[in-house]
Amino acid sequence: MWLVGLLVIGLIVFTVAVLTLPVRGEPPRPTVPRKGRR
């Protein structure tokens, strides 16, 4: 059963890396906090 856990952890790490990679590639821009979504 521990194999399933390892697979899930690997998937989570992979998805996080894929989601954060494009953000790091973009030029640094000032972060604007969302004060309200319409």
PDB file of N, CA and C in Angstrom:
ATOM      1  N   MET A   1       0.840  -1.213   0.000  1.00  0.00           N
ATOM      2  CA  MET A   1       0.000   0.000   0.000  1.00  0.00           C
ATOM      3  C   MET A   1       0.874   1.262   0.000  1.00  0.00           C
ATOM      4  N   TRP A   2       2.087   1.139   0.522  1.00  0.00           N
ATOM      5  CA  TRP A   2       2.954   2.324   0.594  1.00  0.00           C
ATOM      6  C   TRP A   2       3.336   2.804  -0.813  1.00  0.00           C
ATOM      7  N   LEU A   3       3.239   1.884  -1.786  1.00  0.00           N
ATOM      8  CA  LEU A   3       3.529   2.286  -3.174  1.00  0.00           C
ATOM      9  C   LEU A   3       2.524   3.328  -3.648  1.00  0.00           C
ATOM     10  N   VAL A   4       1.263   3.153  -3.252  1.00  0.00           N
ATOM     11  CA  VAL A   4       0.233   4.115  -3.661  1.00  0.00           C
ATOM     12  C   VAL A   4       0.536   5.490  -3.069  1.00  0.00           C
ATOM     13  N   GLY A   5       0.959   5.509  -1.811  1.00  0.00           N
ATOM     14  CA  GLY A   5       1.290   6.779  -1.156  1.00  0.00           C
ATOM     15  C   GLY A   5       2.441   7.474  -1.864  1.00  0.00           C
ATOM     16  N   LEU A   6       3.459   6.690  -2.213  1.00  0.00           N
ATOM     17  CA  LEU A   6       4.613   7.272  -2.922  1.00  0.00           C
ATOM     18  C   LEU A   6       4.170   7.848  -4.260  1.00  0.00           C
ATOM     19  N   LEU A   7       3.275   7.142  -4.937  1.00  0.00           N
ATOM     20  CA  LEU A   7       2.804   7.602  -6.246  1.00  0.00           C
ATOM     21  C   LEU A   7       2.053   8.923  -6.099  1.00  0.00           C
ATOM     22  N   VAL A   8       1.196   8.999  -5.091  1.00  0.00           N
ATOM     23  CA  VAL A   8       0.411  10.231  -4.875  1.00  0.00           C
ATOM     24  C   VAL A   8       1.340  11.395  -4.546  1.00  0.00           C
ATOM     25  N   ILE A   9       2.327  11.158  -3.664  1.00  0.00           N
ATOM     26  CA  ILE A   9       3.265  12.226  -3.294  1.00  0.00           C
ATOM     27  C   ILE A   9       4.041  12.692  -4.529  1.00  0.00           C
ATOM     28  N   GLY A  10       4.492  11.743  -5.349  1.00  0.00           N
ATOM     29  CA  GLY A  10       5.224  12.100  -6.561  1.00  0.00           C
ATOM     30  C   GLY A  10       4.355  12.931  -7.496  1.00  0.00           C
ATOM     31  N   LEU A  11       3.092  12.558  -7.604  1.00  0.00           N
ATOM     32  CA  LEU A  11       2.182  13.301  -8.486  1.00  0.00           C
ATOM     33  C   LEU A  11       2.001  14.731  -7.985  1.00  0.00           C
ATOM     34  N   ILE A  12       1.824  14.881  -6.680  1.00  0.00           N
ATOM     35  CA  ILE A  12       1.632  16.220  -6.102  1.00  0.00           C
ATOM     36  C   ILE A  12       2.872  17.078  -6.349  1.00  0.00           C
ATOM     37  N   VAL A  13       4.051  16.500  -6.086  1.00  0.00           N
ATOM     38  CA  VAL A  13       5.298  17.258  -6.282  1.00  0.00           C
ATOM     39  C   VAL A  13       5.446  17.642  -7.753  1.00  0.00           C
ATOM     40  N   PHE A  14       5.102  16.724  -8.645  1.00  0.00           N
ATOM     41  CA  PHE A  14       5.226  16.988 -10.082  1.00  0.00           C
ATOM     42  C   PHE A  14       4.294  18.122 -10.512  1.00  0.00           C
ATOM     43  N   THR A  15       3.049  18.080 -10.049  1.00  0.00           N
ATOM     44  CA  THR A  15       2.083  19.114 -10.429  1.00  0.00           C
ATOM     45  C   THR A  15       2.514  20.473  -9.879  1.00  0.00           C
ATOM     46  N   VAL A  16       2.992  20.490  -8.629  1.00  0.00           N
ATOM     47  CA  VAL A  16       3.435  21.759  -8.029  1.00  0.00           C
ATOM     48  C   VAL A  16       4.602  22.330  -8.823  1.00  0.00           C
ATOM     49  N   ALA A  17       5.544  21.471  -9.207  1.00  0.00           N
ATOM     50  CA  ALA A  17       6.717  21.938  -9.973  1.00  0.00           C
ATOM     51  C   ALA A  17       6.264  22.497 -11.320  1.00  0.00           C
ATOM     52  N   VAL A  18       5.335  21.820 -11.975  1.00  0.00           N
ATOM     53  CA  VAL A  18       4.863  22.281 -13.293  1.00  0.00           C
ATOM     54  C   VAL A  18       4.133  23.617 -13.159  1.00  0.00           C
ATOM     55  N   LEU A  19       3.384  23.781 -12.065  1.00  0.00           N
ATOM     56  CA  LEU A  19       2.625  25.022 -11.884  1.00  0.00           C
ATOM     57  C   LEU A  19       3.540  26.184 -11.520  1.00  0.00           C
ATOM     58  N   THR A  20       4.637  25.895 -10.804  1.00  0.00           N
ATOM     59  CA  THR A  20       5.513  26.985 -10.340  1.00  0.00           C
ATOM     60  C   THR A  20       6.575  27.329 -11.374  1.00  0.00           C
ATOM     61  N   LEU A  21       6.849  26.411 -12.308  1.00  0.00           N
ATOM     62  CA  LEU A  21       7.900  26.674 -13.309  1.00  0.00           C
ATOM     63  C   LEU A  21       7.577  27.884 -14.189  1.00  0.00           C
ATOM     64  N   PRO A  22       6.381  27.990 -14.783  1.00  0.00           N
ATOM     65  CA  PRO A  22       6.077  29.142 -15.635  1.00  0.00           C
ATOM     66  C   PRO A  22       6.154  30.462 -14.867  1.00  0.00           C
ATOM     67  N   VAL A  23       5.800  30.444 -13.576  1.00  0.00           N
ATOM     68  CA  VAL A  23       5.816  31.673 -12.770  1.00  0.00           C
ATOM     69  C   VAL A  23       7.248  32.155 -12.604  1.00  0.00           C
ATOM     70  N   ARG A  24       8.181  31.219 -12.402  1.00  0.00           N
ATOM     71  CA  ARG A  24       9.581  31.613 -12.221  1.00  0.00           C
ATOM     72  C   ARG A  24      10.175  32.117 -13.537  1.00  0.00           C
ATOM     73  N   GLY A  25       9.681  31.623 -14.657  1.00  0.00           N
ATOM     74  CA  GLY A  25      10.225  32.019 -15.955  1.00  0.00           C
ATOM     75  C   GLY A  25       9.806  33.433 -16.340  1.00  0.00           C
ATOM     76  N   GLU A  26       8.687  33.908 -15.778  1.00  0.00           N
ATOM     77  CA  GLU A  26       8.227  35.254 -16.127  1.00  0.00           C
ATOM     78  C   GLU A  26       9.121  36.316 -15.493  1.00  0.00           C
ATOM     79  N   PRO A  27       9.213  37.506 -16.089  1.00  0.00           N
ATOM     80  CA  PRO A  27       9.996  38.604 -15.508  1.00  0.00           C
ATOM     81  C   PRO A  27       9.387  39.044 -14.180  1.00  0.00           C
ATOM     82  N   PRO A  28      10.219  39.459 -13.235  1.00  0.00           N
ATOM     83  CA  PRO A  28       9.722  39.857 -11.901  1.00  0.00           C
ATOM     84  C   PRO A  28       8.793  41.061 -11.982  1.00  0.00           C
ATOM     85  N   ARG A  29       7.591  40.879 -11.481  1.00  0.00           N
ATOM     86  CA  ARG A  29       6.632  41.989 -11.469  1.00  0.00           C
ATOM     87  C   ARG A  29       6.083  42.140 -10.043  1.00  0.00           C
ATOM     88  N   PRO A  30       5.754  43.365  -9.620  1.00  0.00           N
ATOM     89  CA  PRO A  30       5.229  43.572  -8.257  1.00  0.00           C
ATOM     90  C   PRO A  30       3.935  42.792  -8.046  1.00  0.00           C
ATOM     91  N   THR A  31       3.880  42.059  -6.928  1.00  0.00           N
ATOM     92  CA  THR A  31       2.693  41.246  -6.657  1.00  0.00           C
ATOM     93  C   THR A  31       1.563  42.141  -6.155  1.00  0.00           C
ATOM     94  N   VAL A  32       0.393  42.030  -6.809  1.00  0.00           N
ATOM     95  CA  VAL A  32      -0.761  42.847  -6.410  1.00  0.00           C
ATOM     96  C   VAL A  32      -1.774  41.949  -5.707  1.00  0.00           C
ATOM     97  N   PRO A  33      -1.980  42.172  -4.405  1.00  0.00           N
ATOM     98  CA  PRO A  33      -2.948  41.347  -3.652  1.00  0.00           C
ATOM     99  C   PRO A  33      -4.370  41.605  -4.127  1.00  0.00           C
ATOM    100  N   ARG A  34      -5.148  40.534  -4.219  1.00  0.00           N
ATOM    101  CA  ARG A  34      -6.545  40.679  -4.652  1.00  0.00           C
ATOM    102  C   ARG A  34      -7.394  41.191  -3.493  1.00  0.00           C
ATOM    103  N   LYS A  35      -7.993  42.355  -3.692  1.00  0.00           N
ATOM    104  CA  LYS A  35      -8.803  42.933  -2.614  1.00  0.00           C
ATOM    105  C   LYS A  35     -10.274  42.571  -2.759  1.00  0.00           C
ATOM    106  N   GLY A  36     -10.626  41.941  -3.886  1.00  0.00           N
ATOM    107  CA  GLY A  36     -12.036  41.573  -4.080  1.00  0.00           C
ATOM    108  C   GLY A  36     -12.239  41.015  -5.470  1.00  0.00           C
ATOM    109  N   ARG A  37     -12.943  39.891  -5.552  1.00  0.00           N
ATOM    110  CA  ARG A  37     -13.208  39.290  -6.866  1.00  0.00           C
ATOM    111  C   ARG A  37     -14.646  39.554  -7.275  1.00  0.00           C
ATOM    112  N   ARG A  38     -14.846  40.048  -8.509  1.00  0.00           N
ATOM    113  CA  ARG A  38     -16.209  40.319  -8.972  1.00  0.00           C
ATOM    114  C   ARG A  38     -16.620  39.276  -9.984  1.00  0.00           C
TER     115      ARG A  38
END
